[in-house]
Amino acid sequence: MQSVIVVLYFRSLRDTPLFPASGNPLDALPPYLDPRNQSRSIPAYMIVFVFAQLFQLALAWDAIRAQNTIEIISIVAFNLCCFAYSIFEISQIQSSLCLVNSDSGSCTFDFIVADKSQELLTSLTPFLIVIIAVIGLTQCAVTWLSYQLFQEFGWKIYKKIGADPNMKIMYRAYQIYLVLIKIDLFFFVGFSIQFIYLTLTKRQTDPEYWLTIVVLPITVVILYVAVYAVRHESRRWMTAFLFAMHGGVAYFIFKVVRMWVGDQDQIGKYAGVRYFLTLFASLCLIAILATIVNAAVCFRNFGKGLKPHIIKDNREANNSASATGERVMEID
């Protein structure tokens, strides 16, 4: 449904360029690329929302495969955040398409052709309302199913780890660590998608555009190293990961500063999307800092007897996935 909204947006605006700021008609850009047009943030909101749903699907599959109780809880929280975000989407899109007069409450379409804006807003609203209803109903189902799975997985973990409270604490820290790695991936990819889309017009002059593209695959490699380090209790790779995460902190601080400090030309390209990008960058920072703290806890737990349980856990998860695949092939 979010994908349908993105298609409606581009179809509505493809032939409605703004008047060029330079006065030269050849410099006119379509509204979804023109930095003066705040409605260009709409696809960014929608694309990130679509990515969030796909991410949640992958998270649910991984939680069941790995029988990770912390991941089950994170799915409930993540879906609740999506539900809350879907409620605010209507006002976000309305404010992106028009300026609301605080005295009269009237809506002024200053960014794109008024009839196109009104037509787009009218066509998008029903989809947004349906999204709220669907995610709200899904939240109830997800909560109930997660509770059942939490009890089932909790009992299996107890049989596997035993009653040792210290071992249970260490294993819980390991589960939290894996969830935080996945959350880091979501926020970073989500931020990169928005940043790349919103700086498309600057790709020939702004090196930051290409820097973001280059950093994206490097981040995936770093997060893979993070998982490898904790599962094999490699102090060397965990130390390298911690240094890389501190680099991530510096990277997002740099991004936030770039959005708020500098000349008008630099700040202008974030018009209409600066607050949303700042929010996403701040969430990335919080997730990275939480990961650093939890990684330090896991690092301290190396050599205390958790590794055999983790290796056994991975083998059981892989065997379970293979068995599922074989059953599906037999049915076919």
Protein backbone atom coordinates (compact mmCIF):
# COMPACT_ATOMS: atom_id res chain seq x y z
CA MET A 1 0.00 0.00 0.00
CA GLN A 2 2.91 2.33 0.74
CA SER A 3 4.30 1.42 -2.68
CA VAL A 4 0.99 2.44 -4.27
CA ILE A 5 1.27 5.84 -2.54
CA VAL A 6 4.77 6.36 -3.95
CA VAL A 7 3.52 5.55 -7.46
CA LEU A 8 0.58 7.97 -7.07
CA TYR A 9 2.97 10.69 -5.92
CA PHE A 10 5.30 10.41 -8.90
CA ARG A 11 2.42 10.09 -11.37
CA SER A 12 0.80 13.23 -10.01
CA LEU A 13 3.97 15.33 -10.08
CA ARG A 14 5.84 14.09 -13.12
CA ASP A 15 4.60 16.95 -15.37
CA THR A 16 4.47 19.80 -12.85
CA PRO A 17 7.95 21.35 -12.57
CA LEU A 18 8.41 24.41 -10.38
CA PHE A 19 9.41 27.74 -11.87
CA PRO A 20 13.22 27.64 -12.07
CA ALA A 21 14.97 29.73 -9.41
CA SER A 22 17.49 31.03 -11.96
CA GLY A 23 14.76 32.25 -14.30
CA ASN A 24 16.02 29.94 -17.02
CA PRO A 25 13.30 27.41 -18.04
CA LEU A 26 16.02 24.89 -18.88
CA ASP A 27 16.93 24.76 -15.18
CA ALA A 28 13.45 23.59 -14.17
CA LEU A 29 13.40 20.34 -12.20
CA PRO A 30 10.54 17.94 -11.48
CA PRO A 31 9.11 18.60 -7.99
CA TYR A 32 10.45 15.36 -6.53
CA LEU A 33 14.01 16.59 -7.25
CA ASP A 34 13.64 20.34 -6.68
CA PRO A 35 15.08 21.23 -3.22
CA ARG A 36 12.55 24.07 -2.86
CA ASN A 37 9.68 21.57 -2.89
CA GLN A 38 8.93 20.13 0.54
CA SER A 39 6.62 17.48 -0.93
CA ARG A 40 9.68 15.65 -2.26
CA SER A 41 10.03 14.19 1.24
CA ILE A 42 6.86 12.12 0.74
CA PRO A 43 8.55 9.30 -1.24
CA ALA A 44 11.33 9.25 1.36
CA TYR A 45 8.77 8.65 4.12
CA MET A 46 7.01 5.97 2.09
CA ILE A 47 10.12 4.15 0.89
CA VAL A 48 11.47 3.92 4.44
CA PHE A 49 8.08 2.62 5.61
CA VAL A 50 8.09 -0.07 2.90
CA PHE A 51 11.63 -1.01 3.91
CA ALA A 52 10.49 -1.18 7.55
CA GLN A 53 7.80 -3.73 6.68
CA LEU A 54 10.25 -5.88 4.71
CA PHE A 55 12.76 -5.60 7.55
CA GLN A 56 10.12 -6.68 10.07
CA LEU A 57 9.31 -9.72 7.93
CA ALA A 58 12.99 -10.71 7.84
CA LEU A 59 13.26 -10.06 11.59
CA ALA A 60 10.30 -12.35 12.29
CA TRP A 61 11.75 -15.16 10.18
CA ASP A 62 15.14 -14.83 11.89
CA ALA A 63 13.57 -14.74 15.36
CA ILE A 64 11.74 -18.02 14.73
CA ARG A 65 14.78 -19.63 13.10
CA ALA A 66 17.11 -18.65 15.95
CA GLN A 67 14.45 -18.92 18.70
CA ASN A 68 15.56 -15.53 20.00
CA THR A 69 13.16 -14.32 22.72
CA ILE A 70 14.62 -10.80 22.72
CA GLU A 71 14.05 -10.60 18.98
CA ILE A 72 10.42 -11.64 19.52
CA ILE A 73 9.98 -8.71 21.92
CA SER A 74 11.69 -6.36 19.45
CA ILE A 75 9.20 -7.34 16.73
CA VAL A 76 6.29 -6.25 18.94
CA ALA A 77 8.02 -2.95 19.74
CA PHE A 78 9.01 -2.40 16.10
CA ASN A 79 5.47 -3.00 14.83
CA LEU A 80 4.13 -0.66 17.51
CA CYS A 81 6.52 2.06 16.28
CA CYS A 82 5.29 1.47 12.72
CA PHE A 83 1.70 1.84 13.96
CA ALA A 84 2.51 5.11 15.72
CA TYR A 85 4.35 6.38 12.66
CA SER A 86 1.41 5.51 10.38
CA ILE A 87 -0.85 7.71 12.52
CA PHE A 88 1.42 10.73 12.07
CA GLU A 89 1.85 10.09 8.35
CA ILE A 90 -1.35 11.93 7.39
CA SER A 91 -0.29 15.18 9.06
CA GLN A 92 3.26 14.76 7.73
CA ILE A 93 2.10 14.39 4.15
CA GLN A 94 -0.37 17.26 4.48
CA SER A 95 2.32 19.58 5.84
CA SER A 96 4.65 18.46 3.04
CA LEU A 97 2.10 19.32 0.36
CA CYS A 98 0.93 22.65 1.75
CA LEU A 99 1.47 25.38 4.34
CA VAL A 100 -1.22 25.51 7.03
CA ASN A 101 -2.17 29.00 8.22
CA SER A 102 -2.13 28.96 12.03
CA ASP A 103 -4.87 31.63 12.27
CA SER A 104 -7.40 30.49 9.68
CA GLY A 105 -6.41 26.84 9.45
CA SER A 106 -6.49 27.09 5.66
CA CYS A 107 -4.03 25.18 3.50
CA THR A 108 -1.88 27.10 1.00
CA PHE A 109 -0.25 25.09 -1.78
CA ASP A 110 2.98 27.02 -2.30
CA PHE A 111 5.27 24.30 -3.53
CA ILE A 112 3.51 22.71 -6.50
CA VAL A 113 0.42 23.36 -8.58
CA ALA A 114 -2.53 23.68 -6.19
CA ASP A 115 -4.97 21.40 -8.01
CA LYS A 116 -2.31 18.69 -8.30
CA SER A 117 -1.54 18.99 -4.58
CA GLN A 118 -5.21 18.79 -3.59
CA GLU A 119 -5.79 15.88 -5.97
CA LEU A 120 -2.78 14.03 -4.58
CA LEU A 121 -3.78 14.66 -0.95
CA THR A 122 -7.33 13.45 -1.64
CA SER A 123 -6.13 10.27 -3.37
CA LEU A 124 -3.55 9.42 -0.67
CA THR A 125 -5.72 9.91 2.43
CA PRO A 126 -7.84 6.72 2.07
CA PHE A 127 -4.69 4.61 1.67
CA LEU A 128 -3.17 6.17 4.78
CA ILE A 129 -6.30 5.46 6.84
CA VAL A 130 -6.39 1.83 5.66
CA ILE A 131 -2.71 1.46 6.59
CA ILE A 132 -3.44 2.60 10.14
CA ALA A 133 -6.29 0.08 10.46
CA VAL A 134 -4.29 -2.82 9.01
CA ILE A 135 -1.20 -2.21 11.16
CA GLY A 136 -3.40 -1.73 14.26
CA LEU A 137 -5.08 -5.11 13.71
CA THR A 138 -1.71 -6.67 12.92
CA GLN A 139 -0.33 -5.32 16.19
CA CYS A 140 -2.94 -7.29 18.15
CA ALA A 141 -2.11 -10.51 16.27
CA VAL A 142 1.65 -9.96 16.53
CA THR A 143 1.41 -9.35 20.28
CA TRP A 144 -0.58 -12.53 20.91
CA LEU A 145 1.63 -14.70 18.70
CA SER A 146 4.79 -13.22 20.21
CA TYR A 147 3.57 -14.07 23.71
CA GLN A 148 3.00 -17.70 22.68
CA LEU A 149 6.40 -17.93 21.00
CA PHE A 150 8.12 -16.24 23.93
CA GLN A 151 6.85 -18.94 26.28
CA GLU A 152 7.81 -21.73 23.86
CA PHE A 153 11.31 -20.39 23.15
CA GLY A 154 11.89 -19.47 26.80
CA TRP A 155 11.37 -23.10 27.84
CA LYS A 156 13.70 -24.37 25.09
CA ILE A 157 16.40 -21.89 26.12
CA TYR A 158 16.05 -22.99 29.75
CA LYS A 159 16.58 -26.63 28.74
CA LYS A 160 19.58 -25.67 26.63
CA ILE A 161 21.33 -23.19 28.96
CA GLY A 162 20.29 -24.64 32.28
CA ALA A 163 19.42 -22.96 35.56
CA ASP A 164 22.74 -21.14 36.03
CA PRO A 165 21.73 -17.47 36.48
CA ASN A 166 25.10 -16.14 35.27
CA MET A 167 24.89 -18.19 32.07
CA LYS A 168 21.33 -16.93 31.49
CA ILE A 169 22.48 -13.32 31.89
CA MET A 170 25.36 -13.83 29.46
CA TYR A 171 23.10 -15.53 26.92
CA ARG A 172 20.54 -12.73 27.20
CA ALA A 173 23.30 -10.16 26.55
CA TYR A 174 24.26 -12.18 23.45
CA GLN A 175 20.63 -12.16 22.21
CA ILE A 176 20.32 -8.41 22.80
CA TYR A 177 23.58 -7.89 20.92
CA LEU A 178 22.27 -9.70 17.83
CA VAL A 179 19.05 -7.69 17.86
CA LEU A 180 20.95 -4.40 18.17
CA ILE A 181 23.13 -5.33 15.17
CA LYS A 182 19.98 -5.81 13.06
CA ILE A 183 18.49 -2.53 14.33
CA ASP A 184 21.74 -0.75 13.44
CA LEU A 185 21.43 -2.17 9.92
CA PHE A 186 17.83 -0.96 9.58
CA PHE A 187 18.52 2.59 10.74
CA PHE A 188 21.66 2.97 8.69
CA VAL A 189 20.11 1.62 5.48
CA GLY A 190 16.97 3.70 6.11
CA PHE A 191 19.02 6.85 6.61
CA SER A 192 21.15 6.13 3.54
CA ILE A 193 18.08 5.55 1.32
CA GLN A 194 16.64 8.92 2.35
CA PHE A 195 19.93 10.76 2.04
CA ILE A 196 20.75 9.34 -1.40
CA TYR A 197 17.27 10.11 -2.73
CA LEU A 198 17.17 13.63 -1.30
CA THR A 199 20.58 14.56 -2.70
CA LEU A 200 20.09 13.17 -6.21
CA THR A 201 20.42 16.62 -7.77
CA LYS A 202 23.83 17.13 -6.14
CA ARG A 203 25.48 13.87 -7.19
CA GLN A 204 27.87 15.58 -9.64
CA THR A 205 29.08 18.26 -7.23
CA ASP A 206 28.64 16.81 -3.74
CA PRO A 207 31.15 14.09 -2.74
CA GLU A 208 28.93 13.25 0.24
CA TYR A 209 26.48 11.57 -2.14
CA TRP A 210 29.10 9.06 -3.28
CA LEU A 211 30.51 8.75 0.24
CA THR A 212 27.11 7.54 1.45
CA ILE A 213 26.94 4.93 -1.32
CA VAL A 214 30.45 3.66 -0.55
CA VAL A 215 29.86 3.50 3.21
CA LEU A 216 26.68 1.42 2.83
CA PRO A 217 28.30 -1.90 1.75
CA ILE A 218 31.19 -1.30 4.15
CA THR A 219 28.66 -1.09 6.99
CA VAL A 220 27.16 -4.46 6.02
CA VAL A 221 30.64 -6.02 6.16
CA ILE A 222 31.33 -4.44 9.57
CA LEU A 223 28.06 -5.81 11.00
CA TYR A 224 28.90 -9.27 9.65
CA VAL A 225 32.26 -9.04 11.42
CA ALA A 226 30.39 -8.08 14.60
CA VAL A 227 28.32 -11.28 14.49
CA TYR A 228 31.36 -13.41 13.67
CA ALA A 229 33.35 -11.87 16.54
CA VAL A 230 30.75 -12.57 19.23
CA ARG A 231 29.98 -16.12 18.05
CA HIS A 232 33.65 -17.11 17.94
CA GLU A 233 34.64 -14.96 20.93
CA SER A 234 37.33 -13.24 18.88
CA ARG A 235 38.77 -10.40 20.92
CA ARG A 236 40.69 -9.06 17.93
CA TRP A 237 37.64 -8.76 15.67
CA MET A 238 35.45 -7.44 18.47
CA THR A 239 38.03 -4.71 19.17
CA ALA A 240 38.04 -3.82 15.47
CA PHE A 241 34.24 -3.68 15.50
CA LEU A 242 34.20 -1.37 18.52
CA PHE A 243 36.61 1.00 16.78
CA ALA A 244 34.41 0.92 13.67
CA MET A 245 31.32 1.74 15.73
CA HIS A 246 33.06 4.74 17.24
CA GLY A 247 33.74 5.79 13.66
CA GLY A 248 29.99 5.39 13.05
CA VAL A 249 29.28 7.79 15.91
CA ALA A 250 31.59 10.38 14.34
CA TYR A 251 29.97 9.78 10.92
CA PHE A 252 26.42 10.51 12.11
CA ILE A 253 27.50 13.51 14.17
CA PHE A 254 29.11 14.83 11.00
CA LYS A 255 25.86 14.23 9.08
CA VAL A 256 23.77 16.12 11.65
CA VAL A 257 26.20 19.04 11.74
CA ARG A 258 26.17 19.22 7.93
CA MET A 259 22.38 19.51 7.96
CA TRP A 260 22.33 22.41 10.41
CA VAL A 261 25.64 24.26 10.01
CA GLY A 262 27.05 25.79 6.84
CA ASP A 263 26.16 28.17 4.03
CA GLN A 264 22.61 28.56 2.75
CA ASP A 265 23.38 26.52 -0.35
CA GLN A 266 24.45 23.57 1.77
CA ILE A 267 21.55 23.78 4.23
CA GLY A 268 19.03 24.48 1.46
CA LYS A 269 19.23 21.00 -0.03
CA TYR A 270 17.74 19.61 3.21
CA ALA A 271 14.72 21.95 3.11
CA GLY A 272 11.56 20.20 4.24
CA VAL A 273 13.36 17.00 5.27
CA ARG A 274 15.96 18.25 7.73
CA TYR A 275 13.93 17.41 10.85
CA PHE A 276 13.10 13.90 9.65
CA LEU A 277 16.70 13.18 8.64
CA THR A 278 17.94 14.56 11.96
CA LEU A 279 15.50 12.28 13.81
CA PHE A 280 16.71 9.26 11.85
CA ALA A 281 20.37 10.17 12.37
CA SER A 282 19.71 10.62 16.11
CA LEU A 283 18.06 7.18 16.29
CA CYS A 284 21.09 5.75 14.49
CA LEU A 285 23.36 7.34 17.08
CA ILE A 286 21.30 5.96 19.97
CA ALA A 287 21.33 2.46 18.41
CA ILE A 288 25.10 2.61 17.83
CA LEU A 289 25.81 3.77 21.39
CA ALA A 290 23.58 0.99 22.78
CA THR A 291 25.45 -1.51 20.59
CA ILE A 292 28.82 -0.28 21.85
CA VAL A 293 27.74 -0.72 25.48
CA ASN A 294 26.29 -4.17 24.85
CA ALA A 295 29.33 -5.21 22.79
CA ALA A 296 31.55 -4.29 25.74
CA VAL A 297 29.40 -6.52 27.99
CA CYS A 298 29.69 -9.42 25.52
CA PHE A 299 33.45 -8.81 25.24
CA ARG A 300 33.73 -9.11 29.03
CA ASN A 301 31.83 -12.43 28.88
CA PHE A 302 34.33 -14.05 26.49
CA GLY A 303 35.94 -17.18 27.89
CA LYS A 304 33.27 -17.79 30.55
CA GLY A 305 31.65 -20.85 28.99
CA LEU A 306 29.01 -19.33 26.70
CA LYS A 307 30.69 -20.19 23.38
CA PRO A 308 29.70 -23.92 23.31
CA HIS A 309 26.04 -22.95 23.81
CA ILE A 310 26.23 -20.37 21.00
CA ILE A 311 27.84 -22.85 18.57
CA LYS A 312 25.24 -25.47 19.49
CA ASP A 313 22.53 -22.86 19.04
CA ASN A 314 23.76 -22.00 15.52
CA ARG A 315 23.95 -25.67 14.49
CA GLU A 316 20.41 -26.33 15.72
CA ALA A 317 19.09 -23.27 13.88
CA ASN A 318 20.80 -24.32 10.63
CA ASN A 319 19.56 -27.90 10.97
CA SER A 320 16.05 -26.63 11.62
CA ALA A 321 16.17 -24.42 8.50
CA SER A 322 17.51 -27.34 6.41
CA ALA A 323 14.83 -29.69 7.72
CA THR A 324 12.14 -27.15 6.88
CA GLY A 325 13.49 -26.84 3.34
CA GLU A 326 13.52 -30.64 2.93
CA ARG A 327 9.91 -30.90 4.14
CA VAL A 328 8.83 -28.26 1.67
CA MET A 329 10.58 -30.11 -1.17
CA GLU A 330 8.89 -33.36 -0.17
CA ILE A 331 5.48 -31.72 -0.17
CA ASP A 332 6.16 -30.24 -3.60
